[in-house]
Protein backbone atom coordinates (compact mmCIF):
# COMPACT_ATOMS: atom_id res chain seq x y z
CA MET A 1 -0.15 0.03 -0.08
CA ALA A 2 1.49 3.44 -1.10
CA THR A 3 1.99 5.65 1.83
CA LYS A 4 -0.58 8.46 1.57
CA THR A 5 -1.07 11.65 3.58
CA THR A 6 -3.50 11.19 6.52
CA ILE A 7 -6.82 12.91 6.64
CA THR A 8 -7.01 13.81 10.18
CA THR A 9 -5.50 12.64 13.66
CA ALA A 10 -6.84 9.99 16.19
CA CYS A 11 -7.22 12.92 18.44
CA GLN A 12 -9.72 14.75 16.26
CA LEU A 13 -11.82 11.65 15.79
CA VAL A 14 -11.71 11.15 19.67
CA ASP A 15 -13.14 14.84 19.62
CA TYR A 16 -15.86 14.02 17.02
CA TYR A 17 -16.81 10.78 19.17
CA ILE A 18 -17.14 12.61 22.31
CA TRP A 19 -19.00 15.45 20.66
CA PHE A 20 -21.19 12.79 19.21
CA ALA A 21 -21.92 11.02 22.57
CA ASN A 22 -22.64 14.59 24.09
CA ASP A 23 -24.84 15.41 21.10
CA VAL A 24 -27.18 12.31 21.42
CA GLY A 25 -26.77 12.10 24.91
CA SER A 26 -25.24 8.59 24.93
CA TYR A 27 -22.60 6.93 27.16
CA LEU A 28 -18.94 6.81 25.93
CA SER A 29 -16.49 4.55 27.50
CA ASN A 30 -12.78 4.55 27.03
CA HIS A 31 -13.25 0.85 25.53
CA LYS A 32 -16.22 1.69 23.24
CA LEU A 33 -13.96 4.78 21.96
CA GLN A 34 -11.19 2.44 21.29
CA LYS A 35 -13.30 0.19 18.86
CA LEU A 36 -14.98 3.15 17.30
CA LEU A 37 -11.62 4.60 16.29
CA TYR A 38 -10.51 1.12 15.08
CA TYR A 39 -13.91 0.79 12.77
CA ALA A 40 -13.26 4.38 11.51
CA GLN A 41 -9.78 3.59 10.47
CA ALA A 42 -10.40 0.02 9.09
CA TRP A 43 -13.64 1.07 6.86
CA TYR A 44 -11.90 4.15 5.58
CA LEU A 45 -8.90 1.99 4.45
CA ALA A 46 -11.39 -0.31 2.99
CA PHE A 47 -13.16 2.33 0.75
CA GLU A 48 -10.40 4.88 0.42
CA ASP A 49 -7.15 3.01 0.29
CA THR A 50 -5.52 5.44 2.67
CA PRO A 51 -5.53 5.95 6.64
CA LEU A 52 -7.75 8.40 8.26
CA PHE A 53 -4.87 8.78 10.58
CA ASP A 54 -1.35 7.62 11.60
CA GLU A 55 -1.63 6.05 14.89
CA ASP A 56 -1.41 2.33 15.18
CA PHE A 57 -3.72 -0.27 17.19
CA GLU A 58 -2.21 -2.93 19.19
CA ALA A 59 -3.80 -6.21 19.62
CA TRP A 60 -4.81 -6.13 23.24
CA MET A 61 -6.79 -9.01 25.00
CA HIS A 62 -10.01 -6.63 24.79
CA GLY A 63 -9.46 -5.49 21.32
CA GLN A 64 -7.82 -3.11 19.27
CA THR A 65 -6.22 -0.27 21.22
CA ILE A 66 -4.14 2.82 20.66
CA PRO A 67 -2.20 2.82 23.94
CA ALA A 68 -1.39 6.53 24.45
CA LEU A 69 -5.17 7.47 23.66
CA PHE A 70 -6.10 4.48 26.17
CA TYR A 71 -3.91 5.74 28.81
CA GLU A 72 -4.73 9.35 28.45
CA TYR A 73 -8.73 8.62 28.96
CA LYS A 74 -8.02 6.20 31.47
CA GLU A 75 -5.99 8.66 33.64
CA GLN A 76 -8.82 11.15 33.24
CA PHE A 77 -11.93 9.06 33.51
CA ASP A 78 -10.74 5.50 34.80
CA PHE A 79 -13.51 3.46 33.55
CA LYS A 80 -16.28 5.80 33.99
CA PRO A 81 -18.05 7.84 31.05
CA ILE A 82 -16.10 10.23 29.36
CA LEU A 83 -17.83 13.47 30.34
CA LYS A 84 -15.92 16.37 28.28
CA GLU A 85 -17.17 19.18 26.47
CA VAL A 86 -15.59 19.43 23.03
CA LYS A 87 -16.30 21.34 19.92
CA LYS A 88 -17.26 19.33 16.90
CA PRO A 89 -14.06 19.14 14.51
CA GLN A 90 -14.36 19.85 11.28
CA PHE A 91 -13.78 17.42 8.44
CA PRO A 92 -14.02 17.43 4.61
CA GLU A 93 -17.66 17.07 3.70
CA GLU A 94 -16.61 13.44 2.45
CA VAL A 95 -15.22 12.44 5.55
CA GLN A 96 -18.03 13.90 7.51
CA GLU A 97 -20.83 11.88 5.80
CA PHE A 98 -18.31 8.84 6.28
CA LEU A 99 -18.19 9.52 10.03
CA ASP A 100 -22.02 10.01 10.25
CA GLU A 101 -22.84 6.55 8.15
CA LEU A 102 -20.20 4.79 10.47
CA SER A 103 -21.80 6.28 13.84
CA ASP A 104 -25.28 5.15 12.66
CA ASP A 105 -23.84 1.63 12.08
CA TYR A 106 -21.57 1.36 15.21
CA PHE A 107 -22.11 4.09 18.05
CA PHE A 108 -25.24 2.72 19.36
CA ARG A 109 -23.65 -0.65 19.96
CA ASP A 110 -22.34 -1.27 23.47
CA ALA A 111 -18.59 -1.75 24.26
CA TYR A 112 -18.90 -5.38 24.90
CA GLU A 113 -20.75 -6.07 21.64
CA LEU A 114 -18.07 -4.16 19.83
CA LYS A 115 -15.46 -6.00 21.78
CA LEU A 116 -17.03 -9.40 20.72
CA MET A 117 -17.13 -8.21 16.97
CA VAL A 118 -13.58 -6.90 16.77
CA ARG A 119 -12.04 -10.13 18.67
CA ARG A 120 -13.67 -12.26 16.01
CA GLU A 121 -12.12 -10.56 13.33
CA ASP A 122 -8.87 -11.56 11.18
CA PRO A 123 -6.78 -8.44 11.82
CA TRP A 124 -6.87 -8.77 15.85
CA ILE A 125 -6.85 -12.69 15.39
CA ASN A 126 -3.76 -12.60 12.95
CA ALA A 127 -1.82 -10.18 14.93
CA ARG A 128 -1.91 -11.93 18.27
CA GLY A 129 -0.98 -15.39 16.46
CA GLU A 130 -0.79 -18.22 19.04
CA LEU A 131 -1.45 -16.11 21.95
CA PRO A 132 -4.67 -16.95 24.08
CA ARG A 133 -7.27 -14.56 24.12
CA ASP A 134 -6.34 -13.44 27.81
CA GLU A 135 -2.84 -12.80 27.23
CA PRO A 136 -1.70 -9.52 27.13
CA SER A 137 -0.08 -8.37 23.62
CA HIS A 138 1.40 -5.00 22.21
CA ALA A 139 1.30 -6.89 18.76
CA ILE A 140 0.89 -3.83 15.92
CA ILE A 141 -2.29 -4.57 13.74
CA THR A 142 -1.13 -3.35 10.38
CA LYS A 143 -2.99 -0.91 8.49
CA GLU A 144 -2.58 -3.14 5.59
CA SER A 145 -4.25 -6.37 7.22
CA MET A 146 -7.15 -3.92 8.22
CA ARG A 147 -7.34 -2.68 4.71
CA ASN A 148 -7.13 -6.12 3.18
CA PHE A 149 -9.68 -7.64 5.57
CA TYR A 150 -12.47 -4.90 5.42
CA LYS A 151 -12.03 -4.50 1.75
CA THR A 152 -13.29 -8.22 1.21
CA ARG A 153 -16.21 -7.42 3.42
CA VAL A 154 -17.00 -4.31 1.32
CA ILE A 155 -16.94 -6.52 -1.76
CA GLU A 156 -19.39 -9.16 -0.33
CA LYS A 157 -21.57 -6.20 0.85
CA ALA A 158 -21.87 -4.97 -2.71
């Protein structure tokens, strides 16, 4: 996959999901936030062949995680809802439409359901290799593996 300029940052997407949770009056946990970031990156890679943001996910036992963001929000909110006022980030129109559609599909699922979903998918499974599901891991889930897996799912849906 050729390296292309990313569209946004993971932090801007975090702000989007926090803003969205506030806007719809819904609960957003750190774990759920990680899964939403993952699905945004994965589906964008599948549709556009370019990443939304640079950060990599690790194949943690509870699913895909960007460690720096996870620890930042764990320090601030522990495992409580993320309660923070943020402005809605501005994205190009096509990215905003993508995020709105993705939020309709994924945001209203709970964190546990999202965890089960991502742990059944090849990018997480393959990054962990032979590790048991409850074993810690810092293995990187490559953007290429995400793109390849989700691109096959795009074709299946067509």
